[in-house]
Amino acid sequence: MKRLWAVLLALLTLSCGALAESGEMAVPKFKDVSVHDPSVIRAEDGTYYVFGSHMTAAKSTDLIQWKMISRDAGNGCTLVENVQEQMKEALQYAKTDTFWAPDVQRLNDGRYYLYYCTCKGDSPLSMLGVAVSDSPEGPYENLGVFLKSGYAGYDANNLPNVVDPCVFFDQEGKLWMVYGSYSGGIYILEMDPDTGFPLEGQNYGKKLLGKNHARIEGPYILYSPDTDYYYLFLSFGGLNADDGYNIRVCRSRNPDGPYEDALGQQMIQCGGRPGTYFNDPDYEGYGVKLMGGYCFENVESDTNQFRLAYRSPGHNSAYYDAETGRYFLVFHTRFAGSGESFKVRVHQMAMNEDGWPVALPQRYAGEEIQAPENKTGLYKVILHERDINKTEHVSKLVTLNGDGTVSGDLTGTWSCDESGLFRCEMDGVSYTGVMTVALDSKESVWVPVFTALDETGAALWGSHAAHEN
């Protein structure tokens, strides 16, 4: 972890210098897009792309302003020419005319490989295949399918639904694909980096977790050079606005596991009991919960009094920027009072002193990780807990006092050093994370924030009440 805190301290020095020269940080203009299950990749020219279900895709140069480049699996699809005909085998097998969550990876030949999947939806009748293009924007040419599920005799309690691929290189240069949704769990396969297909003789590959229709899906694996761990991100719960989607993570020293959570629980044990179906209490005690539905409630001094509540954030991807040492969490979220509409959100992450990622409580606006100059004052605090919460957790009000005490709805102690390392104890629970400056986009004001985890893997967020002294 010494390397991590050295990086943070370097960023602090650079950021403070930039602030001193330019004064108040500018408030960016956001441009949102609707891409479900966004999988992120950065192209050679520095452009970020997200690819989502239904063949949607968008791009951005800064993770703040996005532009749609492909809108649906019909007439609006620009990724694949004549997509209904090219992917006919997968669509007909799954009895559908659309696609689920894809992934794109650049392989050894310098070309971009699109891993696509189809699913009937009310059963794990699914197919997974790959297409290739010279450009991340396409057009992609279909190479064929290589996995299927849901056929006669298929055991959906123990075998995977072949959707939600994430393809990545490990530190040894090996290529892997982690995949799976509900049904028999999450699996991983070793892939051929020259052809894009699985190495022979693996069948479905190795199981990492899940069984008996546990509501766990959207696996995504990211390696951290700061901690030397592989982090497996997952979405627990259902994706609808009132169905509890939430983002969790576990880790391993090896890309193919075994993975464990903050309590040391082996994730291979995470799943539903025999004979159960979508029984959340069986598995909601596993994994480090980074975020679920939440709302920073208004205080009297807020200039914008509309209530902004995030519902069912999930199906994330993640990105590590080796040049800056920054981590990003990319996901879609729904909102209270907005039905099933959704938008892409990006939050910056950091590693806490225990080697777990923590997500900043406000969306990414170009900030660097830096300890705030003024840390005390009134904060809106979210306790994310470890439940699959179908309604948003709402903020409490606490004050971080100058003498290192915490008062208000929660009481305890707090500290923050020059690097941004944040520790606190609130109502007898200890947390460790980071404190920095982020944009309260509802109030259009840069504010101190903190993000931390307790020893069980439950997230604590704090965002300064923007207009409080």
Protein backbone atom coordinates (compact mmCIF):
# COMPACT_ATOMS: atom_id res chain seq x y z
CA MET A 1 0.00 0.00 0.00
CA LYS A 2 3.02 2.33 0.26
CA ARG A 3 2.95 2.75 -3.50
CA LEU A 4 -0.73 3.68 -3.42
CA TRP A 5 -0.29 6.42 -0.86
CA ALA A 6 2.77 7.73 -2.69
CA VAL A 7 0.62 8.08 -5.82
CA LEU A 8 -2.11 9.83 -3.84
CA LEU A 9 0.41 12.22 -2.30
CA ALA A 10 1.85 13.02 -5.73
CA LEU A 11 -1.63 13.72 -7.07
CA LEU A 12 -2.30 15.93 -4.07
CA THR A 13 0.80 18.01 -4.80
CA LEU A 14 -0.04 18.39 -8.48
CA SER A 15 -3.69 19.20 -7.79
CA CYS A 16 -2.98 21.80 -5.13
CA GLY A 17 -0.57 23.53 -7.51
CA ALA A 18 -3.19 23.59 -10.25
CA LEU A 19 -5.77 24.99 -7.86
CA ALA A 20 -3.40 27.66 -6.64
CA GLU A 21 -2.79 28.80 -10.22
CA SER A 22 -6.36 28.64 -11.51
CA GLY A 23 -8.37 29.43 -8.38
CA GLU A 24 -11.82 27.88 -7.99
CA MET A 25 -12.29 24.63 -9.89
CA ALA A 26 -14.58 24.91 -12.89
CA VAL A 27 -17.96 23.16 -12.88
CA PRO A 28 -18.19 20.97 -16.00
CA LYS A 29 -21.28 20.54 -18.13
CA PHE A 30 -22.45 16.93 -18.14
CA LYS A 31 -23.92 15.23 -21.17
CA ASP A 32 -25.69 12.00 -20.29
CA VAL A 33 -26.49 8.92 -22.34
CA SER A 34 -28.69 5.88 -21.82
CA VAL A 35 -26.55 2.76 -22.19
CA HIS A 36 -27.67 -0.23 -20.14
CA ASP A 37 -24.96 -2.47 -18.67
CA PRO A 38 -22.10 -0.21 -19.83
CA SER A 39 -18.78 -1.95 -20.49
CA VAL A 40 -15.92 0.52 -20.79
CA ILE A 41 -12.79 0.43 -22.93
CA ARG A 42 -10.26 3.12 -23.80
CA ALA A 43 -9.12 3.17 -27.41
CA GLU A 44 -5.61 3.92 -28.61
CA ASP A 45 -6.47 7.57 -29.29
CA GLY A 46 -7.64 8.05 -25.69
CA THR A 47 -11.37 7.97 -26.42
CA TYR A 48 -13.52 6.07 -23.93
CA TYR A 49 -16.29 3.83 -25.23
CA VAL A 50 -19.13 2.12 -23.41
CA PHE A 51 -20.98 -0.79 -24.99
CA GLY A 52 -24.33 -1.91 -23.63
CA SER A 53 -27.33 -4.16 -24.08
CA HIS A 54 -29.38 -3.92 -27.29
CA MET A 55 -26.22 -2.97 -29.23
CA THR A 56 -26.16 0.52 -27.75
CA ALA A 57 -22.84 2.35 -27.47
CA ALA A 58 -21.49 5.79 -26.61
CA LYS A 59 -18.14 7.56 -26.50
CA SER A 60 -16.43 10.30 -24.52
CA THR A 61 -13.04 11.96 -24.30
CA ASP A 62 -13.38 12.87 -20.60
CA LEU A 63 -15.94 10.50 -18.97
CA ILE A 64 -18.15 13.58 -18.45
CA GLN A 65 -19.67 14.43 -21.82
CA TRP A 66 -20.95 11.40 -23.72
CA LYS A 67 -22.24 10.95 -27.26
CA MET A 68 -24.37 8.06 -28.48
CA ILE A 69 -22.95 6.20 -31.48
CA SER A 70 -25.31 3.20 -31.65
CA ARG A 71 -28.87 3.16 -30.36
CA ASP A 72 -30.51 -0.26 -30.66
CA ALA A 73 -30.36 -3.71 -32.19
CA GLY A 74 -32.61 -2.69 -35.08
CA ASN A 75 -32.39 0.29 -37.39
CA GLY A 76 -30.25 2.29 -34.93
CA CYS A 77 -27.40 -0.23 -34.76
CA THR A 78 -24.18 1.11 -36.27
CA LEU A 79 -21.84 -1.41 -34.62
CA VAL A 80 -22.83 -4.34 -36.85
CA GLU A 81 -24.14 -4.02 -40.39
CA ASN A 82 -27.32 -6.02 -40.94
CA VAL A 83 -27.07 -7.23 -37.34
CA GLN A 84 -30.26 -9.30 -37.42
CA GLU A 85 -28.87 -11.37 -40.27
CA GLN A 86 -25.23 -11.58 -39.14
CA MET A 87 -26.17 -12.74 -35.64
CA LYS A 88 -29.16 -14.78 -36.82
CA GLU A 89 -28.00 -18.03 -35.22
CA ALA A 90 -27.73 -16.52 -31.74
CA LEU A 91 -30.98 -14.57 -32.04
CA GLN A 92 -32.99 -17.54 -33.29
CA TYR A 93 -31.59 -19.89 -30.66
CA ALA A 94 -32.54 -17.51 -27.83
CA LYS A 95 -35.91 -16.70 -29.43
CA THR A 96 -35.24 -12.96 -29.33
CA ASP A 97 -34.48 -10.02 -31.59
CA THR A 98 -32.13 -8.19 -29.23
CA PHE A 99 -28.91 -8.57 -27.26
CA TRP A 100 -27.79 -8.50 -23.63
CA ALA A 101 -24.68 -7.03 -22.04
CA PRO A 102 -21.59 -7.22 -24.33
CA ASP A 103 -17.90 -6.52 -23.86
CA VAL A 104 -15.15 -5.28 -26.19
CA GLN A 105 -11.46 -6.06 -25.88
CA ARG A 106 -8.45 -5.28 -28.09
CA LEU A 107 -6.47 -8.47 -28.72
CA ASN A 108 -3.00 -9.39 -29.96
CA ASP A 109 -3.66 -8.50 -33.59
CA GLY A 110 -4.61 -4.93 -32.64
CA ARG A 111 -8.24 -5.43 -33.63
CA TYR A 112 -11.29 -5.01 -31.42
CA TYR A 113 -13.34 -8.05 -30.47
CA LEU A 114 -17.01 -7.64 -29.57
CA TYR A 115 -18.32 -10.38 -27.28
CA TYR A 116 -22.09 -10.42 -27.71
CA CYS A 117 -24.81 -12.51 -26.10
CA THR A 118 -28.51 -13.24 -26.55
CA CYS A 119 -31.02 -14.55 -24.02
CA LYS A 120 -34.69 -15.46 -24.03
CA GLY A 121 -35.04 -13.66 -20.69
CA ASP A 122 -37.56 -15.78 -18.83
CA SER A 123 -35.20 -18.77 -19.09
CA PRO A 124 -31.43 -19.19 -19.56
CA LEU A 125 -31.84 -20.04 -23.24
CA SER A 126 -28.75 -18.11 -24.34
CA MET A 127 -25.85 -17.94 -26.78
CA LEU A 128 -22.51 -16.14 -26.59
CA GLY A 129 -20.35 -15.27 -29.60
CA VAL A 130 -17.70 -12.89 -30.90
CA ALA A 131 -17.29 -10.41 -33.74
CA VAL A 132 -14.26 -8.38 -34.85
CA SER A 133 -13.48 -4.91 -36.23
CA ASP A 134 -10.48 -2.70 -36.95
CA SER A 135 -12.21 0.12 -35.07
CA PRO A 136 -13.99 0.20 -31.69
CA GLU A 137 -16.93 1.85 -33.47
CA GLY A 138 -17.22 -0.99 -35.99
CA PRO A 139 -18.49 -2.26 -38.24
CA TYR A 140 -17.96 -5.64 -36.58
CA GLU A 141 -17.98 -8.87 -38.58
CA ASN A 142 -19.38 -11.93 -36.86
CA LEU A 143 -16.90 -14.75 -36.21
CA GLY A 144 -19.44 -17.13 -34.67
CA VAL A 145 -20.83 -18.43 -31.38
CA PHE A 146 -18.98 -20.63 -28.91
CA LEU A 147 -21.21 -21.12 -25.84
CA LYS A 148 -24.88 -21.93 -25.34
CA SER A 149 -27.13 -22.68 -22.38
CA GLY A 150 -30.71 -23.67 -21.67
CA TYR A 151 -30.85 -26.68 -23.97
CA ALA A 152 -32.67 -29.93 -23.12
CA GLY A 153 -31.01 -31.59 -20.14
CA TYR A 154 -29.23 -28.41 -19.07
CA ASP A 155 -29.03 -28.04 -15.26
CA ALA A 156 -29.82 -24.37 -14.62
CA ASN A 157 -29.23 -24.75 -10.88
CA ASN A 158 -25.53 -25.43 -11.37
CA LEU A 159 -24.57 -24.46 -14.93
CA PRO A 160 -24.16 -20.86 -16.10
CA ASN A 161 -26.42 -18.69 -18.18
CA VAL A 162 -23.96 -17.76 -20.95
CA VAL A 163 -24.40 -13.96 -20.88
CA ASP A 164 -22.63 -10.88 -19.45
CA PRO A 165 -19.06 -11.52 -20.70
CA CYS A 166 -16.04 -9.57 -19.48
CA VAL A 167 -12.78 -10.29 -21.33
CA PHE A 168 -9.45 -9.19 -19.82
CA PHE A 169 -5.71 -9.83 -19.83
CA ASP A 170 -4.01 -10.85 -16.59
CA GLN A 171 -0.52 -9.81 -15.48
CA GLU A 172 1.00 -12.84 -17.19
CA GLY A 173 -0.52 -11.88 -20.54
CA LYS A 174 -3.16 -14.62 -20.43
CA LEU A 175 -6.62 -13.78 -21.73
CA TRP A 176 -9.72 -14.66 -19.70
CA MET A 177 -13.48 -14.32 -19.98
CA VAL A 178 -15.64 -14.16 -16.86
CA TYR A 179 -19.38 -14.44 -17.45
CA GLY A 180 -22.72 -15.53 -16.03
CA SER A 181 -26.05 -14.32 -14.69
CA TYR A 182 -28.39 -15.84 -12.09
CA SER A 183 -28.95 -19.59 -12.79
CA GLY A 184 -25.85 -21.65 -11.90
CA GLY A 185 -23.53 -18.76 -11.16
CA ILE A 186 -20.43 -16.96 -12.42
CA TYR A 187 -17.79 -18.85 -14.43
CA ILE A 188 -14.40 -18.06 -15.98
CA LEU A 189 -12.72 -19.40 -19.13
CA GLU A 190 -9.19 -19.02 -20.44
CA MET A 191 -9.23 -17.55 -23.95
CA ASP A 192 -6.93 -17.55 -26.97
CA PRO A 193 -5.58 -13.99 -27.42
CA ASP A 194 -4.91 -14.66 -31.09
CA THR A 195 -8.34 -15.97 -32.11
CA GLY A 196 -10.62 -14.53 -29.43
CA PHE A 197 -12.20 -17.94 -28.79
CA PRO A 198 -11.88 -20.13 -25.66
CA LEU A 199 -8.98 -22.55 -25.38
CA GLU A 200 -10.19 -26.06 -26.09
CA GLY A 201 -11.27 -28.60 -23.51
CA GLN A 202 -12.75 -26.31 -20.84
CA ASN A 203 -16.49 -26.81 -21.37
CA TYR A 204 -18.02 -23.93 -19.33
CA GLY A 205 -14.79 -23.32 -17.46
CA LYS A 206 -14.30 -22.84 -13.72
CA LYS A 207 -17.07 -21.78 -11.37
CA LEU A 208 -16.28 -18.76 -9.17
CA LEU A 209 -19.57 -18.43 -7.26
CA GLY A 210 -23.33 -18.78 -7.41
CA LYS A 211 -25.92 -21.53 -7.69
CA ASN A 212 -29.67 -22.15 -7.55
CA HIS A 213 -30.77 -18.97 -9.31
CA ALA A 214 -29.07 -16.45 -7.03
CA ARG A 215 -29.66 -12.90 -8.28
CA ILE A 216 -25.99 -12.23 -9.04
CA GLU A 217 -24.77 -11.11 -12.46
CA GLY A 218 -22.67 -8.65 -14.46
CA PRO A 219 -19.18 -9.91 -13.47
CA TYR A 220 -16.25 -7.63 -14.26
CA ILE A 221 -12.61 -8.23 -13.26
CA LEU A 222 -10.03 -5.45 -12.82
CA TYR A 223 -6.43 -5.82 -11.67
CA SER A 224 -4.86 -3.23 -9.35
CA PRO A 225 -1.07 -2.74 -9.53
CA ASP A 226 -1.30 -0.88 -6.22
CA THR A 227 -2.51 -3.91 -4.28
CA ASP A 228 -1.65 -6.84 -6.62
CA TYR A 229 -5.26 -8.09 -6.35
CA TYR A 230 -7.78 -9.00 -9.02
CA TYR A 231 -11.13 -7.45 -8.13
CA LEU A 232 -14.32 -9.19 -9.22
CA PHE A 233 -17.20 -6.71 -9.38
CA LEU A 234 -20.74 -8.08 -9.30
CA SER A 235 -24.32 -6.84 -9.27
CA PHE A 236 -26.62 -8.36 -6.66
CA GLY A 237 -30.43 -8.07 -6.78
CA GLY A 238 -32.77 -7.21 -9.61
CA LEU A 239 -32.25 -4.51 -12.22
CA ASN A 240 -35.67 -2.83 -12.05
CA ALA A 241 -35.95 0.49 -10.22
CA ASP A 242 -37.59 -1.11 -7.18
CA ASP A 243 -35.69 -4.39 -7.24
CA GLY A 244 -32.46 -3.68 -5.40
CA TYR A 245 -29.57 -3.79 -7.87
CA ASN A 246 -26.35 -2.97 -6.00
CA ILE A 247 -22.62 -3.12 -6.78
CA ARG A 248 -20.35 -5.47 -4.82
CA VAL A 249 -16.76 -6.60 -5.09
CA CYS A 250 -14.51 -9.44 -3.93
CA ARG A 251 -10.84 -10.12 -4.61
CA SER A 252 -8.21 -12.75 -5.35
CA ARG A 253 -4.48 -12.98 -6.00
CA ASN A 254 -5.29 -15.01 -9.12
CA PRO A 255 -7.57 -14.09 -12.03
CA ASP A 256 -9.45 -17.39 -11.77
CA GLY A 257 -9.82 -17.27 -7.99
CA PRO A 258 -10.55 -18.29 -5.38
CA TYR A 259 -12.24 -14.97 -4.54
CA GLU A 260 -13.11 -13.80 -1.04
CA ASP A 261 -14.77 -10.80 0.58
CA ALA A 262 -13.75 -8.50 3.45
CA LEU A 263 -14.92 -11.05 6.02
CA GLY A 264 -12.69 -13.70 4.46
CA GLN A 265 -15.71 -15.61 3.20
CA GLN A 266 -15.00 -17.79 0.18
CA MET A 267 -17.22 -16.60 -2.67
CA ILE A 268 -17.55 -20.12 -4.04
CA GLN A 269 -19.98 -20.63 -1.13
CA CYS A 270 -22.11 -17.68 -2.22
CA GLY A 271 -25.38 -18.80 -3.78
CA GLY A 272 -28.93 -19.91 -3.16
CA ARG A 273 -29.94 -22.95 -1.15
CA PRO A 274 -31.15 -26.04 -3.05
CA GLY A 275 -34.74 -25.65 -4.15
CA THR A 276 -34.75 -21.86 -3.85
CA TYR A 277 -35.27 -19.24 -6.54
CA PHE A 278 -34.17 -15.57 -6.20
CA ASN A 279 -33.91 -15.95 -2.41
CA ASP A 280 -31.79 -12.88 -1.61
CA PRO A 281 -31.22 -13.57 2.12
CA ASP A 282 -29.14 -16.63 1.16
CA TYR A 283 -26.37 -14.51 -0.38
CA GLU A 284 -26.77 -10.85 0.58
CA GLY A 285 -24.23 -11.43 3.38
CA TYR A 286 -21.45 -11.96 0.82
CA GLY A 287 -19.28 -9.40 -0.94
CA VAL A 288 -18.14 -5.86 -0.22
CA LYS A 289 -21.06 -3.57 -1.03
CA LEU A 290 -19.79 -0.41 -2.73
CA MET A 291 -23.19 1.15 -3.37
CA GLY A 292 -26.91 0.49 -3.60
CA GLY A 293 -29.86 2.84 -4.00
CA TYR A 294 -29.29 6.09 -2.12
CA CYS A 295 -30.42 9.69 -1.67
CA PHE A 296 -28.61 12.69 -0.23
CA GLU A 297 -31.65 14.38 1.31
CA ASN A 298 -31.98 18.14 1.02
CA VAL A 299 -31.08 20.47 3.85
CA GLU A 300 -32.59 23.91 4.31
CA SER A 301 -29.60 25.70 2.81
CA ASP A 302 -29.67 23.74 -0.49
CA THR A 303 -30.47 25.98 -3.43
CA ASN A 304 -32.03 23.12 -5.43
CA GLN A 305 -34.72 21.43 -3.39
CA PHE A 306 -35.69 18.70 -5.84
CA ARG A 307 -35.13 15.21 -4.48
CA LEU A 308 -32.55 13.20 -6.44
CA ALA A 309 -32.56 9.52 -5.44
CA TYR A 310 -30.57 6.83 -7.25
CA ARG A 311 -32.31 3.49 -7.62
CA SER A 312 -30.74 0.14 -8.53
CA PRO A 313 -27.24 1.27 -9.58
CA GLY A 314 -25.41 -1.65 -11.11
CA HIS A 315 -24.03 -3.78 -13.92
CA ASN A 316 -20.77 -1.91 -13.75
CA SER A 317 -17.47 -2.04 -15.52
CA ALA A 318 -14.24 -0.48 -14.21
CA TYR A 319 -11.12 1.15 -15.61
CA TYR A 320 -7.63 1.79 -14.27
CA ASP A 321 -5.64 4.63 -15.81
CA ALA A 322 -1.96 3.69 -15.54
CA GLU A 323 -0.82 7.20 -16.44
CA THR A 324 -2.61 8.92 -13.55
CA GLY A 325 -3.17 6.04 -11.14
CA ARG A 326 -6.89 6.73 -11.11
CA TYR A 327 -9.68 4.14 -10.94
CA PHE A 328 -13.17 4.58 -12.37
CA LEU A 329 -16.45 2.77 -11.78
CA VAL A 330 -18.84 2.92 -14.76
CA PHE A 331 -22.45 1.80 -14.30
CA HIS A 332 -26.05 2.57 -15.11
CA THR A 333 -28.61 3.73 -12.58
CA ARG A 334 -32.30 4.40 -12.39
CA PHE A 335 -33.90 7.20 -10.37
CA ALA A 336 -36.80 7.47 -7.96
CA GLY A 337 -39.87 8.87 -9.68
CA SER A 338 -38.54 8.22 -13.19
CA GLY A 339 -39.86 4.73 -13.87
CA GLU A 340 -37.40 2.43 -15.60
CA SER A 341 -35.42 5.12 -17.42
CA PHE A 342 -31.68 4.99 -16.79
CA LYS A 343 -28.43 6.87 -17.39
CA VAL A 344 -24.71 6.08 -17.36
CA ARG A 345 -22.81 7.29 -14.32
CA VAL A 346 -19.06 7.37 -13.65
CA HIS A 347 -17.64 7.61 -10.13
CA GLN A 348 -13.94 7.77 -9.34
CA MET A 349 -12.60 5.12 -6.98
CA ALA A 350 -9.59 4.87 -4.68
CA MET A 351 -8.08 2.07 -2.63
CA ASN A 352 -8.45 2.22 1.15
CA GLU A 353 -5.64 1.16 3.48
CA ASP A 354 -7.02 -2.39 3.63
CA GLY A 355 -6.72 -2.75 -0.13
CA TRP A 356 -10.41 -2.45 -1.02
CA PRO A 357 -11.82 -0.06 -3.61
CA VAL A 358 -14.09 2.70 -2.36
CA ALA A 359 -16.26 4.81 -4.67
CA LEU A 360 -16.56 8.56 -4.30
CA PRO A 361 -20.10 9.59 -3.35
CA GLN A 362 -20.46 12.11 -6.18
CA ARG A 363 -20.21 11.50 -9.92
CA TYR A 364 -16.87 12.09 -11.61
CA ALA A 365 -16.32 15.70 -12.66
CA GLY A 366 -12.59 15.73 -13.36
CA GLU A 367 -11.42 15.78 -9.74
CA GLU A 368 -8.11 14.48 -8.45
CA ILE A 369 -7.83 12.67 -5.13
CA GLN A 370 -6.75 15.39 -2.72
CA ALA A 371 -7.28 16.12 0.95
CA PRO A 372 -9.62 19.12 1.34
CA GLU A 373 -8.24 22.31 2.79
CA ASN A 374 -11.29 22.64 5.04
CA LYS A 375 -12.58 19.32 6.33
CA THR A 376 -14.93 20.18 9.17
CA GLY A 377 -18.62 20.99 9.00
CA LEU A 378 -22.03 19.47 8.31
CA TYR A 379 -22.13 16.34 6.15
CA LYS A 380 -24.88 14.30 4.57
CA VAL A 381 -23.93 10.70 5.37
CA ILE A 382 -25.13 7.52 3.64
CA LEU A 383 -24.88 4.15 5.38
CA HIS A 384 -25.08 1.70 2.47
CA GLU A 385 -25.25 -1.35 4.79
CA ARG A 386 -25.03 -4.80 3.16
CA ASP A 387 -28.65 -5.41 2.24
CA ILE A 388 -30.22 -5.72 -1.20
CA ASN A 389 -32.17 -2.51 -0.65
CA LYS A 390 -35.19 -2.05 -2.90
CA THR A 391 -35.69 1.54 -1.75
CA GLU A 392 -32.91 4.05 -1.39
CA HIS A 393 -30.99 4.52 1.85
CA VAL A 394 -31.34 8.17 2.85
CA SER A 395 -28.72 10.41 4.35
CA LYS A 396 -28.24 11.28 7.98
CA LEU A 397 -26.71 14.54 9.19
CA VAL A 398 -23.44 14.58 11.10
CA THR A 399 -20.89 17.24 11.92
CA LEU A 400 -17.16 16.64 11.72
CA ASN A 401 -15.86 18.86 14.49
CA GLY A 402 -12.47 20.52 14.67
CA ASP A 403 -11.54 18.55 17.78
CA GLY A 404 -11.82 15.22 15.90
CA THR A 405 -15.25 14.29 17.21
CA VAL A 406 -18.40 13.45 15.28
CA SER A 407 -21.78 14.72 16.43
CA GLY A 408 -25.34 14.64 15.15
CA ASP A 409 -27.33 11.62 13.97
CA LEU A 410 -24.16 9.54 14.40
CA THR A 411 -21.45 10.11 16.99
CA GLY A 412 -17.80 9.15 17.24
CA THR A 413 -14.39 10.33 16.06
CA TRP A 414 -12.67 11.11 12.76
CA SER A 415 -9.25 11.93 11.26
CA CYS A 416 -7.75 12.73 7.88
CA ASP A 417 -4.06 13.07 7.05
CA GLU A 418 -2.35 15.09 4.33
CA SER A 419 -2.67 12.31 1.75
CA GLY A 420 -6.43 12.06 2.19
CA LEU A 421 -6.34 8.89 4.29
CA PHE A 422 -9.62 9.03 6.22
CA ARG A 423 -10.52 7.07 9.33
CA CYS A 424 -13.58 7.36 11.50
CA GLU A 425 -15.67 5.60 14.09
CA MET A 426 -19.39 6.26 13.96
CA ASP A 427 -21.81 4.70 16.44
CA GLY A 428 -19.12 2.22 17.41
CA VAL A 429 -18.27 1.05 13.87
CA SER A 430 -14.79 1.74 12.45
CA TYR A 431 -14.28 2.75 8.81
CA THR A 432 -11.25 3.42 6.61
CA GLY A 433 -11.16 5.21 3.28
CA VAL A 434 -10.28 8.53 1.67
CA MET A 435 -11.35 12.15 1.94
CA THR A 436 -11.16 14.41 -1.08
CA VAL A 437 -12.97 17.16 -2.99
CA ALA A 438 -15.76 16.33 -5.46
CA LEU A 439 -18.55 18.13 -7.25
CA ASP A 440 -22.01 18.22 -5.72
CA SER A 441 -23.61 18.30 -9.16
CA LYS A 442 -27.10 19.07 -7.84
CA GLU A 443 -25.81 22.19 -6.12
CA SER A 444 -23.02 22.87 -8.68
CA VAL A 445 -20.50 23.37 -5.89
CA TRP A 446 -17.19 21.63 -5.13
CA VAL A 447 -17.34 20.15 -1.63
CA PRO A 448 -15.35 17.90 0.71
CA VAL A 449 -16.47 14.26 0.58
CA PHE A 450 -15.39 11.00 2.16
CA THR A 451 -15.87 7.36 1.28
CA ALA A 452 -14.94 4.40 3.48
CA LEU A 453 -15.67 0.78 4.34
CA ASP A 454 -16.14 -0.99 7.63
CA GLU A 455 -14.54 -4.38 8.36
CA THR A 456 -17.62 -6.27 7.10
CA GLY A 457 -17.56 -4.57 3.71
CA ALA A 458 -20.30 -1.95 4.11
CA ALA A 459 -19.77 1.47 2.55
CA LEU A 460 -20.06 4.81 4.32
CA TRP A 461 -20.36 7.99 2.24
CA GLY A 462 -20.25 11.60 3.31
CA SER A 463 -20.83 14.74 1.26
CA HIS A 464 -20.49 18.20 2.77
CA ALA A 465 -23.70 20.21 2.91
CA ALA A 466 -22.67 22.58 0.13
CA HIS A 467 -23.83 25.90 1.51
CA GLU A 468 -23.19 25.28 5.20
CA ASN A 469 -20.36 27.12 6.93
